[in-house]
Amino acid sequence: MANTPRSTSPDPAEAARKAANSPAAHDVKDDLAALRADLARLSDTVASLLGGQADQVKGLAADKANELYASGREALRSVETQARGAADDLSRKVVDNPLSSVAIAFGLGYIYALMRRGR
C-alpha cells in the first residue's frame, strides 16, 4: 500500500487563475462595475435632491422668522401704547390730587424704609 499512487489534486492557485479568466468571472466584474456606476449616479441624485430641499427648508425658516419678528414688534408696540396710557393716567391723577399723591408716596416710602431696616 505504500506504493499506491496518490490522486493528483489540482493546485488551488491554478484553479483560482482558471476561475478568474473564465467568462463568468468577466461577467461578474462587469456587473460590479455597472453596480458601482449606478451607485455613484444614485448618490449624485440623492445629493442634489437633498440640496434642493435644504434650500427650501432654509427659505421656509427665514419666512417664519420674519413672521415672528413682525408679530413681536406688533406686540411691543401694543405694550408701549398701554404703558404710555397708564403713565398718562397716573400723571393726570397726580395733577388732580397732589396732596393724596404726596401722602401715598410718603406712606410707601415709610413702609419701604421699615422693611429695609428690619433686615
PDB file of N, CA and C in Angstrom:
ATOM      1  N   MET A   1       0.802  -1.170   0.000  1.00  0.00           N
ATOM      2  CA  MET A   1       0.000   0.000   0.000  1.00  0.00           C
ATOM      3  C   MET A   1       0.850   1.241   0.000  1.00  0.00           C
ATOM      4  N   ALA A   2       2.028   1.123   0.382  1.00  0.00           N
ATOM      5  CA  ALA A   2       2.900   2.262   0.410  1.00  0.00           C
ATOM      6  C   ALA A   2       3.182   2.767  -0.980  1.00  0.00           C
ATOM      7  N   ASN A   3       3.025   1.908  -1.968  1.00  0.00           N
ATOM      8  CA  ASN A   3       3.331   2.307  -3.326  1.00  0.00           C
ATOM      9  C   ASN A   3       2.100   2.719  -4.123  1.00  0.00           C
ATOM     10  N   THR A   4       0.988   2.931  -3.461  1.00  0.00           N
ATOM     11  CA  THR A   4      -0.216   3.324  -4.200  1.00  0.00           C
ATOM     12  C   THR A   4      -0.054   4.765  -4.669  1.00  0.00           C
ATOM     13  N   PRO A   5      -0.363   4.998  -5.877  1.00  0.00           N
ATOM     14  CA  PRO A   5      -0.206   6.364  -6.367  1.00  0.00           C
ATOM     15  C   PRO A   5      -1.267   7.272  -5.787  1.00  0.00           C
ATOM     16  N   ARG A   6      -0.847   8.425  -5.398  1.00  0.00           N
ATOM     17  CA  ARG A   6      -1.775   9.416  -4.846  1.00  0.00           C
ATOM     18  C   ARG A   6      -2.521  10.064  -6.000  1.00  0.00           C
ATOM     19  N   SER A   7      -3.766  10.439  -5.685  1.00  0.00           N
ATOM     20  CA  SER A   7      -4.534  11.131  -6.717  1.00  0.00           C
ATOM     21  C   SER A   7      -4.004  12.549  -6.826  1.00  0.00           C
ATOM     22  N   THR A   8      -3.899  12.996  -8.011  1.00  0.00           N
ATOM     23  CA  THR A   8      -3.378  14.346  -8.210  1.00  0.00           C
ATOM     24  C   THR A   8      -4.534  15.322  -8.097  1.00  0.00           C
ATOM     25  N   SER A   9      -4.454  16.168  -7.108  1.00  0.00           N
ATOM     26  CA  SER A   9      -5.484  17.191  -6.942  1.00  0.00           C
ATOM     27  C   SER A   9      -4.978  18.455  -7.609  1.00  0.00           C
ATOM     28  N   PRO A  10      -5.895  19.230  -8.167  1.00  0.00           N
ATOM     29  CA  PRO A  10      -5.461  20.454  -8.859  1.00  0.00           C
ATOM     30  C   PRO A  10      -4.897  21.451  -7.853  1.00  0.00           C
ATOM     31  N   ASP A  11      -3.951  22.209  -8.309  1.00  0.00           N
ATOM     32  CA  ASP A  11      -3.321  23.243  -7.497  1.00  0.00           C
ATOM     33  C   ASP A  11      -4.346  24.351  -7.245  1.00  0.00           C
ATOM     34  N   PRO A  12      -4.549  24.798  -5.969  1.00  0.00           N
ATOM     35  CA  PRO A  12      -5.544  25.844  -5.696  1.00  0.00           C
ATOM     36  C   PRO A  12      -5.236  27.147  -6.429  1.00  0.00           C
ATOM     37  N   ALA A  13      -3.983  27.493  -6.559  1.00  0.00           N
ATOM     38  CA  ALA A  13      -3.626  28.732  -7.267  1.00  0.00           C
ATOM     39  C   ALA A  13      -3.984  28.619  -8.735  1.00  0.00           C
ATOM     40  N   GLU A  14      -3.743  27.437  -9.318  1.00  0.00           N
ATOM     41  CA  GLU A  14      -4.077  27.206 -10.731  1.00  0.00           C
ATOM     42  C   GLU A  14      -5.582  27.264 -10.931  1.00  0.00           C
ATOM     43  N   ALA A  15      -6.352  26.728  -9.987  1.00  0.00           N
ATOM     44  CA  ALA A  15      -7.812  26.762 -10.075  1.00  0.00           C
ATOM     45  C   ALA A  15      -8.319  28.193  -9.981  1.00  0.00           C
ATOM     46  N   ALA A  16      -7.715  28.998  -9.126  1.00  0.00           N
ATOM     47  CA  ALA A  16      -8.123  30.392  -8.983  1.00  0.00           C
ATOM     48  C   ALA A  16      -7.831  31.167 -10.258  1.00  0.00           C
ATOM     49  N   ARG A  17      -6.654  30.902 -10.901  1.00  0.00           N
ATOM     50  CA  ARG A  17      -6.331  31.582 -12.158  1.00  0.00           C
ATOM     51  C   ARG A  17      -7.304  31.207 -13.260  1.00  0.00           C
ATOM     52  N   LYS A  18      -7.660  29.939 -13.307  1.00  0.00           N
ATOM     53  CA  LYS A  18      -8.614  29.498 -14.336  1.00  0.00           C
ATOM     54  C   LYS A  18      -9.984  30.135 -14.100  1.00  0.00           C
ATOM     55  N   ALA A  19     -10.397  30.222 -12.821  1.00  0.00           N
ATOM     56  CA  ALA A  19     -11.698  30.812 -12.489  1.00  0.00           C
ATOM     57  C   ALA A  19     -11.706  32.294 -12.801  1.00  0.00           C
ATOM     58  N   ALA A  20     -10.587  32.976 -12.549  1.00  0.00           N
ATOM     59  CA  ALA A  20     -10.517  34.411 -12.800  1.00  0.00           C
ATOM     60  C   ALA A  20     -10.554  34.724 -14.289  1.00  0.00           C
ATOM     61  N   ASN A  21     -10.082  33.809 -15.100  1.00  0.00           N
ATOM     62  CA  ASN A  21     -10.054  34.036 -16.546  1.00  0.00           C
ATOM     63  C   ASN A  21     -11.299  33.500 -17.242  1.00  0.00           C
ATOM     64  N   SER A  22     -12.213  32.931 -16.498  1.00  0.00           N
ATOM     65  CA  SER A  22     -13.413  32.358 -17.113  1.00  0.00           C
ATOM     66  C   SER A  22     -14.379  33.459 -17.526  1.00  0.00           C
ATOM     67  N   PRO A  23     -15.262  33.183 -18.481  1.00  0.00           N
ATOM     68  CA  PRO A  23     -16.247  34.184 -18.919  1.00  0.00           C
ATOM     69  C   PRO A  23     -17.184  34.615 -17.779  1.00  0.00           C
ATOM     70  N   ALA A  24     -17.502  33.717 -16.869  1.00  0.00           N
ATOM     71  CA  ALA A  24     -18.394  34.058 -15.760  1.00  0.00           C
ATOM     72  C   ALA A  24     -17.736  35.099 -14.855  1.00  0.00           C
ATOM     73  N   ALA A  25     -16.433  34.998 -14.649  1.00  0.00           N
ATOM     74  CA  ALA A  25     -15.724  35.974 -13.808  1.00  0.00           C
ATOM     75  C   ALA A  25     -15.743  37.341 -14.480  1.00  0.00           C
ATOM     76  N   HIS A  26     -15.590  37.373 -15.799  1.00  0.00           N
ATOM     77  CA  HIS A  26     -15.651  38.652 -16.508  1.00  0.00           C
ATOM     78  C   HIS A  26     -17.043  39.263 -16.394  1.00  0.00           C
ATOM     79  N   ASP A  27     -18.076  38.424 -16.448  1.00  0.00           N
ATOM     80  CA  ASP A  27     -19.442  38.929 -16.294  1.00  0.00           C
ATOM     81  C   ASP A  27     -19.655  39.537 -14.903  1.00  0.00           C
ATOM     82  N   VAL A  28     -19.108  38.878 -13.876  1.00  0.00           N
ATOM     83  CA  VAL A  28     -19.243  39.380 -12.511  1.00  0.00           C
ATOM     84  C   VAL A  28     -18.509  40.717 -12.374  1.00  0.00           C
ATOM     85  N   LYS A  29     -17.321  40.816 -12.963  1.00  0.00           N
ATOM     86  CA  LYS A  29     -16.562  42.071 -12.912  1.00  0.00           C
ATOM     87  C   LYS A  29     -17.326  43.187 -13.614  1.00  0.00           C
ATOM     88  N   ASP A  30     -17.922  42.862 -14.767  1.00  0.00           N
ATOM     89  CA  ASP A  30     -18.706  43.858 -15.491  1.00  0.00           C
ATOM     90  C   ASP A  30     -19.921  44.285 -14.678  1.00  0.00           C
ATOM     91  N   ASP A  31     -20.578  43.308 -14.033  1.00  0.00           N
ATOM     92  CA  ASP A  31     -21.744  43.623 -13.204  1.00  0.00           C
ATOM     93  C   ASP A  31     -21.359  44.508 -12.019  1.00  0.00           C
ATOM     94  N   LEU A  32     -20.206  44.228 -11.402  1.00  0.00           N
ATOM     95  CA  LEU A  32     -19.744  45.041 -10.289  1.00  0.00           C
ATOM     96  C   LEU A  32     -19.424  46.463 -10.744  1.00  0.00           C
ATOM     97  N   ALA A  33     -18.813  46.595 -11.901  1.00  0.00           N
ATOM     98  CA  ALA A  33     -18.507  47.936 -12.420  1.00  0.00           C
ATOM     99  C   ALA A  33     -19.795  48.695 -12.708  1.00  0.00           C
ATOM    100  N   ALA A  34     -20.789  48.020 -13.279  1.00  0.00           N
ATOM    101  CA  ALA A  34     -22.078  48.663 -13.561  1.00  0.00           C
ATOM    102  C   ALA A  34     -22.770  49.051 -12.258  1.00  0.00           C
ATOM    103  N   LEU A  35     -22.680  48.199 -11.257  1.00  0.00           N
ATOM    104  CA  LEU A  35     -23.286  48.499  -9.958  1.00  0.00           C
ATOM    105  C   LEU A  35     -22.619  49.713  -9.317  1.00  0.00           C
ATOM    106  N   ARG A  36     -21.293  49.790  -9.412  1.00  0.00           N
ATOM    107  CA  ARG A  36     -20.587  50.957  -8.865  1.00  0.00           C
ATOM    108  C   ARG A  36     -21.033  52.234  -9.572  1.00  0.00           C
ATOM    109  N   ALA A  37     -21.169  52.178 -10.872  1.00  0.00           N
ATOM    110  CA  ALA A  37     -21.598  53.356 -11.634  1.00  0.00           C
ATOM    111  C   ALA A  37     -23.021  53.751 -11.249  1.00  0.00           C
ATOM    112  N   ASP A  38     -23.902  52.751 -11.100  1.00  0.00           N
ATOM    113  CA  ASP A  38     -25.282  53.043 -10.687  1.00  0.00           C
ATOM    114  C   ASP A  38     -25.319  53.676  -9.300  1.00  0.00           C
ATOM    115  N   LEU A  39     -24.510  53.164  -8.381  1.00  0.00           N
ATOM    116  CA  LEU A  39     -24.464  53.726  -7.029  1.00  0.00           C
ATOM    117  C   LEU A  39     -23.930  55.157  -7.045  1.00  0.00           C
ATOM    118  N   ALA A  40     -22.965  55.440  -7.890  1.00  0.00           N
ATOM    119  CA  ALA A  40     -22.433  56.802  -7.987  1.00  0.00           C
ATOM    120  C   ALA A  40     -23.507  57.749  -8.507  1.00  0.00           C
ATOM    121  N   ARG A  41     -24.261  57.318  -9.528  1.00  0.00           N
ATOM    122  CA  ARG A  41     -25.347  58.160 -10.056  1.00  0.00           C
ATOM    123  C   ARG A  41     -26.434  58.353  -9.018  1.00  0.00           C
ATOM    124  N   LEU A  42     -26.780  57.299  -8.284  1.00  0.00           N
ATOM    125  CA  LEU A  42     -27.790  57.393  -7.240  1.00  0.00           C
ATOM    126  C   LEU A  42     -27.335  58.355  -6.146  1.00  0.00           C
ATOM    127  N   SER A  43     -26.077  58.278  -5.769  1.00  0.00           N
ATOM    128  CA  SER A  43     -25.535  59.183  -4.752  1.00  0.00           C
ATOM    129  C   SER A  43     -25.615  60.633  -5.219  1.00  0.00           C
ATOM    130  N   ASP A  44     -25.285  60.888  -6.472  1.00  0.00           N
ATOM    131  CA  ASP A  44     -25.369  62.248  -7.010  1.00  0.00           C
ATOM    132  C   ASP A  44     -26.812  62.743  -7.014  1.00  0.00           C
ATOM    133  N   THR A  45     -27.746  61.868  -7.384  1.00  0.00           N
ATOM    134  CA  THR A  45     -29.159  62.250  -7.430  1.00  0.00           C
ATOM    135  C   THR A  45     -29.678  62.585  -6.034  1.00  0.00           C
ATOM    136  N   VAL A  46     -29.347  61.750  -5.064  1.00  0.00           N
ATOM    137  CA  VAL A  46     -29.787  61.994  -3.685  1.00  0.00           C
ATOM    138  C   VAL A  46     -29.185  63.291  -3.161  1.00  0.00           C
ATOM    139  N   ALA A  47     -27.908  63.531  -3.469  1.00  0.00           N
ATOM    140  CA  ALA A  47     -27.258  64.762  -3.007  1.00  0.00           C
ATOM    141  C   ALA A  47     -27.932  65.990  -3.603  1.00  0.00           C
ATOM    142  N   SER A  48     -28.298  65.941  -4.874  1.00  0.00           N
ATOM    143  CA  SER A  48     -28.951  67.099  -5.486  1.00  0.00           C
ATOM    144  C   SER A  48     -30.352  67.302  -4.921  1.00  0.00           C
ATOM    145  N   LEU A  49     -31.071  66.215  -4.650  1.00  0.00           N
ATOM    146  CA  LEU A  49     -32.402  66.340  -4.054  1.00  0.00           C
ATOM    147  C   LEU A  49     -32.325  66.938  -2.658  1.00  0.00           C
ATOM    148  N   LEU A  50     -31.379  66.450  -1.867  1.00  0.00           N
ATOM    149  CA  LEU A  50     -31.240  66.967  -0.505  1.00  0.00           C
ATOM    150  C   LEU A  50     -30.791  68.415  -0.514  1.00  0.00           C
ATOM    151  N   GLY A  51     -29.934  68.787  -1.453  1.00  0.00           N
ATOM    152  CA  GLY A  51     -29.507  70.174  -1.558  1.00  0.00           C
ATOM    153  C   GLY A  51     -30.679  71.085  -1.869  1.00  0.00           C
ATOM    154  N   GLY A  52     -31.564  70.658  -2.762  1.00  0.00           N
ATOM    155  CA  GLY A  52     -32.752  71.445  -3.086  1.00  0.00           C
ATOM    156  C   GLY A  52     -33.693  71.557  -1.903  1.00  0.00           C
ATOM    157  N   GLN A  53     -33.868  70.475  -1.182  1.00  0.00           N
ATOM    158  CA  GLN A  53     -34.741  70.511  -0.012  1.00  0.00           C
ATOM    159  C   GLN A  53     -34.150  71.376   1.083  1.00  0.00           C
ATOM    160  N   ALA A  54     -32.833  71.366   1.230  1.00  0.00           N
ATOM    161  CA  ALA A  54     -32.199  72.208   2.251  1.00  0.00           C
ATOM    162  C   ALA A  54     -32.454  73.679   1.938  1.00  0.00           C
ATOM    163  N   ASP A  55     -32.356  74.050   0.659  1.00  0.00           N
ATOM    164  CA  ASP A  55     -32.633  75.442   0.287  1.00  0.00           C
ATOM    165  C   ASP A  55     -34.089  75.795   0.563  1.00  0.00           C
ATOM    166  N   GLN A  56     -34.980  74.858   0.287  1.00  0.00           N
ATOM    167  CA  GLN A  56     -36.404  75.100   0.525  1.00  0.00           C
ATOM    168  C   GLN A  56     -36.686  75.260   2.018  1.00  0.00           C
ATOM    169  N   VAL A  57     -36.105  74.409   2.838  1.00  0.00           N
ATOM    170  CA  VAL A  57     -36.307  74.490   4.288  1.00  0.00           C
ATOM    171  C   VAL A  57     -35.710  75.791   4.829  1.00  0.00           C
ATOM    172  N   LYS A  58     -34.555  76.189   4.300  1.00  0.00           N
ATOM    173  CA  LYS A  58     -33.932  77.442   4.731  1.00  0.00           C
ATOM    174  C   LYS A  58     -34.841  78.625   4.410  1.00  0.00           C
ATOM    175  N   GLY A  59     -35.451  78.606   3.235  1.00  0.00           N
ATOM    176  CA  GLY A  59     -36.370  79.681   2.864  1.00  0.00           C
ATOM    177  C   GLY A  59     -37.593  79.723   3.763  1.00  0.00           C
ATOM    178  N   LEU A  60     -38.151  78.544   4.071  1.00  0.00           N
ATOM    179  CA  LEU A  60     -39.311  78.490   4.963  1.00  0.00           C
ATOM    180  C   LEU A  60     -38.958  78.985   6.365  1.00  0.00           C
ATOM    181  N   ALA A  61     -37.781  78.614   6.837  1.00  0.00           N
ATOM    182  CA  ALA A  61     -37.353  79.056   8.169  1.00  0.00           C
ATOM    183  C   ALA A  61     -37.174  80.578   8.191  1.00  0.00           C
ATOM    184  N   ALA A  62     -36.621  81.135   7.127  1.00  0.00           N
ATOM    185  CA  ALA A  62     -36.442  82.593   7.071  1.00  0.00           C
ATOM    186  C   ALA A  62     -37.797  83.294   7.047  1.00  0.00           C
ATOM    187  N   ASP A  63     -38.751  82.741   6.302  1.00  0.00           N
ATOM    188  CA  ASP A  63     -40.091  83.330   6.264  1.00  0.00           C
ATOM    189  C   ASP A  63     -40.740  83.302   7.641  1.00  0.00           C
ATOM    190  N   LYS A  64     -40.621  82.177   8.325  1.00  0.00           N
ATOM    191  CA  LYS A  64     -41.212  82.048   9.659  1.00  0.00           C
ATOM    192  C   LYS A  64     -40.536  83.003  10.644  1.00  0.00           C
ATOM    193  N   ALA A  65     -39.224  83.146  10.538  1.00  0.00           N
ATOM    194  CA  ALA A  65     -38.508  84.071  11.432  1.00  0.00           C
ATOM    195  C   ALA A  65     -38.972  85.500  11.192  1.00  0.00           C
ATOM    196  N   ASN A  66     -39.148  85.877   9.936  1.00  0.00           N
ATOM    197  CA  ASN A  66     -39.638  87.228   9.626  1.00  0.00           C
ATOM    198  C   ASN A  66     -41.047  87.441  10.163  1.00  0.00           C
ATOM    199  N   GLU A  67     -41.877  86.410  10.047  1.00  0.00           N
ATOM    200  CA  GLU A  67     -43.249  86.494  10.555  1.00  0.00           C
ATOM    201  C   GLU A  67     -43.257  86.668  12.071  1.00  0.00           C
ATOM    202  N   LEU A  68     -42.427  85.889  12.764  1.00  0.00           N
ATOM    203  CA  LEU A  68     -42.345  86.004  14.224  1.00  0.00           C
ATOM    204  C   LEU A  68     -41.786  87.357  14.649  1.00  0.00           C
ATOM    205  N   TYR A  69     -40.816  87.872  13.915  1.00  0.00           N
ATOM    206  CA  TYR A  69     -40.247  89.181  14.210  1.00  0.00           C
ATOM    207  C   TYR A  69     -41.315  90.267  14.086  1.00  0.00           C
ATOM    208  N   ALA A  70     -42.101  90.208  13.002  1.00  0.00           N
ATOM    209  CA  ALA A  70     -43.157  91.204  12.801  1.00  0.00           C
ATOM    210  C   ALA A  70     -44.204  91.100  13.906  1.00  0.00           C
ATOM    211  N   SER A  71     -44.540  89.875  14.293  1.00  0.00           N
ATOM    212  CA  SER A  71     -45.516  89.667  15.356  1.00  0.00           C
ATOM    213  C   SER A  71     -44.984  90.221  16.684  1.00  0.00           C
ATOM    214  N   GLY A  72     -43.720  90.008  16.975  1.00  0.00           N
ATOM    215  CA  GLY A  72     -43.123  90.521  18.206  1.00  0.00           C
ATOM    216  C   GLY A  72     -43.082  92.041  18.231  1.00  0.00           C
ATOM    217  N   ARG A  73     -42.765  92.643  17.090  1.00  0.00           N
ATOM    218  CA  ARG A  73     -42.749  94.118  17.035  1.00  0.00           C
ATOM    219  C   ARG A  73     -44.145  94.685  17.256  1.00  0.00           C
ATOM    220  N   GLU A  74     -45.163  94.025  16.718  1.00  0.00           N
ATOM    221  CA  GLU A  74     -46.539  94.488  16.909  1.00  0.00           C
ATOM    222  C   GLU A  74     -46.938  94.369  18.377  1.00  0.00           C
ATOM    223  N   ALA A  75     -46.561  93.278  19.030  1.00  0.00           N
ATOM    224  CA  ALA A  75     -46.863  93.108  20.457  1.00  0.00           C
ATOM    225  C   ALA A  75     -46.146  94.168  21.281  1.00  0.00           C
ATOM    226  N   LEU A  76     -44.913  94.489  20.929  1.00  0.00           N
ATOM    227  CA  LEU A  76     -44.162  95.516  21.636  1.00  0.00           C
ATOM    228  C   LEU A  76     -44.837  96.886  21.491  1.00  0.00           C
ATOM    229  N   ARG A  77     -45.283  97.191  20.294  1.00  0.00           N
ATOM    230  CA  ARG A  77     -45.992  98.472  20.090  1.00  0.00           C
ATOM    231  C   ARG A  77     -47.257  98.547  20.941  1.00  0.00           C
ATOM    232  N   SER A  78     -47.976  97.426  21.032  1.00  0.00           N
ATOM    233  CA  SER A  78     -49.193  97.387  21.833  1.00  0.00           C
ATOM    234  C   SER A  78     -48.884  97.625  23.313  1.00  0.00           C
ATOM    235  N   VAL A  79     -47.831  96.979  23.813  1.00  0.00           N
ATOM    236  CA  VAL A  79     -47.455  97.144  25.220  1.00  0.00           C
ATOM    237  C   VAL A  79     -46.983  98.579  25.475  1.00  0.00           C
ATOM    238  N   GLU A  80     -46.233  99.137  24.542  1.00  0.00           N
ATOM    239  CA  GLU A  80     -45.782 100.522  24.708  1.00  0.00           C
ATOM    240  C   GLU A  80     -46.972 101.479  24.781  1.00  0.00           C
ATOM    241  N   THR A  81     -47.961 101.252  23.923  1.00  0.00           N
ATOM    242  CA  THR A  81     -49.153 102.104  23.912  1.00  0.00           C
ATOM    243  C   THR A  81     -49.882 102.011  25.247  1.00  0.00           C
ATOM    244  N   GLN A  82     -50.035 100.799  25.760  1.00  0.00           N
ATOM    245  CA  GLN A  82     -50.711 100.616  27.041  1.00  0.00           C
ATOM    246  C   GLN A  82     -49.916 101.259  28.179  1.00  0.00           C
ATOM    247  N   ALA A  83     -48.590 101.122  28.162  1.00  0.00           N
ATOM    248  CA  ALA A  83     -47.758 101.714  29.222  1.00  0.00           C
ATOM    249  C   ALA A  83     -47.848 103.236  29.184  1.00  0.00           C
ATOM    250  N   ARG A  84     -47.829 103.801  27.981  1.00  0.00           N
ATOM    251  CA  ARG A  84     -47.960 105.261  27.885  1.00  0.00           C
ATOM    252  C   ARG A  84     -49.319 105.722  28.409  1.00  0.00           C
ATOM    253  N   GLY A  85     -50.363 104.977  28.090  1.00  0.00           N
ATOM    254  CA  GLY A  85     -51.703 105.312  28.584  1.00  0.00           C
ATOM    255  C   GLY A  85     -51.761 105.269  30.098  1.00  0.00           C
ATOM    256  N   ALA A  86     -51.158 104.230  30.704  1.00  0.00           N
ATOM    257  CA  ALA A  86     -51.148 104.115  32.165  1.00  0.00           C
ATOM    258  C   ALA A  86     -50.344 105.246  32.792  1.00  0.00           C
ATOM    259  N   ALA A  87     -49.217 105.603  32.200  1.00  0.00           N
ATOM    260  CA  ALA A  87     -48.398 106.702  32.724  1.00  0.00           C
ATOM    261  C   ALA A  87     -49.147 108.027  32.612  1.00  0.00           C
ATOM    262  N   ASP A  88     -49.851 108.223  31.505  1.00  0.00           N
ATOM    263  CA  ASP A  88     -50.642 109.455  31.354  1.00  0.00           C
ATOM    264  C   ASP A  88     -51.760 109.526  32.392  1.00  0.00           C
ATOM    265  N   ASP A  89     -52.425 108.397  32.632  1.00  0.00           N
ATOM    266  CA  ASP A  89     -53.483 108.364  33.648  1.00  0.00           C
ATOM    267  C   ASP A  89     -52.926 108.695  35.039  1.00  0.00           C
ATOM    268  N   LEU A  90     -51.784 108.116  35.360  1.00  0.00           N
ATOM    269  CA  LEU A  90     -51.163 108.370  36.656  1.00  0.00           C
ATOM    270  C   LEU A  90     -50.772 109.844  36.790  1.00  0.00           C
ATOM    271  N   SER A  91     -50.225 110.393  35.743  1.00  0.00           N
ATOM    272  CA  SER A  91     -49.846 111.823  35.773  1.00  0.00           C
ATOM    273  C   SER A  91     -51.068 112.709  35.987  1.00  0.00           C
ATOM    274  N   ARG A  92     -52.151 112.368  35.313  1.00  0.00           N
ATOM    275  CA  ARG A  92     -53.387 113.150  35.459  1.00  0.00           C
ATOM    276  C   ARG A  92     -53.912 113.082  36.894  1.00  0.00           C
ATOM    277  N   LYS A  93     -53.847 111.900  37.509  1.00  0.00           N
ATOM    278  CA  LYS A  93     -54.332 111.746  38.884  1.00  0.00           C
ATOM    279  C   LYS A  93     -53.453 112.503  39.862  1.00  0.00           C
ATOM    280  N   VAL A  94     -52.141 112.516  39.612  1.00  0.00           N
ATOM    281  CA  VAL A  94     -51.238 113.275  40.494  1.00  0.00           C
ATOM    282  C   VAL A  94     -51.535 114.761  40.386  1.00  0.00           C
ATOM    283  N   VAL A  95     -51.785 115.229  39.173  1.00  0.00           N
ATOM    284  CA  VAL A  95     -52.091 116.648  38.977  1.00  0.00           C
ATOM    285  C   VAL A  95     -53.437 116.991  39.609  1.00  0.00           C
ATOM    286  N   ASP A  96     -54.413 116.098  39.466  1.00  0.00           N
ATOM    287  CA  ASP A  96     -55.746 116.355  40.023  1.00  0.00           C
ATOM    288  C   ASP A  96     -55.751 116.286  41.552  1.00  0.00           C
ATOM    289  N   ASN A  97     -54.970 115.394  42.159  1.00  0.00           N
ATOM    290  CA  ASN A  97     -54.961 115.209  43.619  1.00  0.00           C
ATOM    291  C   ASN A  97     -53.515 115.229  44.133  1.00  0.00           C
ATOM    292  N   PRO A  98     -52.910 116.394  44.202  1.00  0.00           N
ATOM    293  CA  PRO A  98     -51.495 116.437  44.608  1.00  0.00           C
ATOM    294  C   PRO A  98     -51.273 116.025  46.058  1.00  0.00           C
ATOM    295  N   LEU A  99     -52.148 116.419  46.991  1.00  0.00           N
ATOM    296  CA  LEU A  99     -51.947 116.055  48.399  1.00  0.00           C
ATOM    297  C   LEU A  99     -52.076 114.551  48.610  1.00  0.00           C
ATOM    298  N   SER A 100     -53.033 113.935  47.977  1.00  0.00           N
ATOM    299  CA  SER A 100     -53.197 112.478  48.103  1.00  0.00           C
ATOM    300  C   SER A 100     -51.981 111.763  47.529  1.00  0.00           C
ATOM    301  N   SER A 101     -51.471 112.270  46.428  1.00  0.00           N
ATOM    302  CA  SER A 101     -50.306 111.647  45.790  1.00  0.00           C
ATOM    303  C   SER A 101     -49.083 111.727  46.686  1.00  0.00           C
ATOM    304  N   VAL A 102     -48.879 112.892  47.322  1.00  0.00           N
ATOM    305  CA  VAL A 102     -47.736 113.052  48.227  1.00  0.00           C
ATOM    306  C   VAL A 102     -47.905 112.142  49.432  1.00  0.00           C
ATOM    307  N   ALA A 103     -49.107 112.043  49.973  1.00  0.00           N
ATOM    308  CA  ALA A 103     -49.358 111.190  51.138  1.00  0.00           C
ATOM    309  C   ALA A 103     -49.111 109.715  50.780  1.00  0.00           C
ATOM    310  N   ILE A 104     -49.573 109.312  49.631  1.00  0.00           N
ATOM    311  CA  ILE A 104     -49.356 107.916  49.200  1.00  0.00           C
ATOM    312  C   ILE A 104     -47.872 107.652  49.009  1.00  0.00           C
ATOM    313  N   ALA A 105     -47.161 108.585  48.384  1.00  0.00           N
ATOM    314  CA  ALA A 105     -45.723 108.413  48.164  1.00  0.00           C
ATOM    315  C   ALA A 105     -44.987 108.349  49.494  1.00  0.00           C
ATOM    316  N   PHE A 106     -45.363 109.209  50.462  1.00  0.00           N
ATOM    317  CA  PHE A 106     -44.741 109.204  51.783  1.00  0.00           C
ATOM    318  C   PHE A 106     -44.995 107.874  52.484  1.00  0.00           C
ATOM    319  N   GLY A 107     -46.228 107.384  52.413  1.00  0.00           N
ATOM    320  CA  GLY A 107     -46.577 106.123  53.068  1.00  0.00           C
ATOM    321  C   GLY A 107     -45.809 104.952  52.467  1.00  0.00           C
ATOM    322  N   LEU A 108     -45.700 104.908  51.178  1.00  0.00           N
ATOM    323  CA  LEU A 108     -44.947 103.823  50.535  1.00  0.00           C
ATOM    324  C   LEU A 108     -43.463 103.896  50.888  1.00  0.00           C
ATOM    325  N   GLY A 109     -42.905 105.110  50.940  1.00  0.00           N
ATOM    326  CA  GLY A 109     -41.504 105.281  51.317  1.00  0.00           C
ATOM    327  C   GLY A 109     -41.257 104.843  52.745  1.00  0.00           C
ATOM    328  N   TYR A 110     -42.204 105.167  53.634  1.00  0.00           N
ATOM    329  CA  TYR A 110     -42.073 104.796  55.038  1.00  0.00           C
ATOM    330  C   TYR A 110     -42.107 103.275  55.190  1.00  0.00           C
ATOM    331  N   ILE A 111     -43.037 102.621  54.506  1.00  0.00           N
ATOM    332  CA  ILE A 111     -43.141 101.149  54.579  1.00  0.00           C
ATOM    333  C   ILE A 111     -41.867 100.499  54.026  1.00  0.00           C
ATOM    334  N   TYR A 112     -41.354 101.042  52.946  1.00  0.00           N
ATOM    335  CA  TYR A 112     -40.124 100.513  52.350  1.00  0.00           C
ATOM    336  C   TYR A 112     -38.948 100.666  53.321  1.00  0.00           C
ATOM    337  N   ALA A 113     -38.859 101.819  53.986  1.00  0.00           N
ATOM    338  CA  ALA A 113     -37.788 102.062  54.946  1.00  0.00           C
ATOM    339  C   ALA A 113     -37.877 101.097  56.122  1.00  0.00           C
ATOM    340  N   LEU A 114     -39.079 100.826  56.605  1.00  0.00           N
ATOM    341  CA  LEU A 114     -39.250  99.865  57.709  1.00  0.00           C
ATOM    342  C   LEU A 114     -38.804  98.453  57.277  1.00  0.00           C
ATOM    343  N   MET A 115     -39.153  98.100  56.075  1.00  0.00           N
ATOM    344  CA  MET A 115     -38.776  96.767  55.597  1.00  0.00           C
ATOM    345  C   MET A 115     -37.256  96.656  55.452  1.00  0.00           C
ATOM    346  N   ARG A 116     -36.607  97.676  54.967  1.00  0.00           N
ATOM    347  CA  ARG A 116     -35.139  97.661  54.805  1.00  0.00           C
ATOM    348  C   ARG A 116     -34.430  97.679  56.153  1.00  0.00           C
ATOM    349  N   ARG A 117     -34.986  98.398  57.137  1.00  0.00           N
ATOM    350  CA  ARG A 117     -34.359  98.492  58.438  1.00  0.00           C
ATOM    351  C   ARG A 117     -34.467  97.178  59.187  1.00  0.00           C
ATOM    352  N   GLY A 118     -35.487  96.388  58.932  1.00  0.00           N
ATOM    353  CA  GLY A 118     -35.706  95.134  59.613  1.00  0.00           C
ATOM    354  C   GLY A 118     -34.702  94.057  59.202  1.00  0.00           C
ATOM    355  N   ARG A 119     -33.980  94.230  58.187  1.00  0.00           N
ATOM    356  CA  ARG A 119     -33.028  93.209  57.723  1.00  0.00           C
ATOM    357  C   ARG A 119     -31.799  93.203  58.514  1.00  0.00           C
TER     358      ARG A 119
END
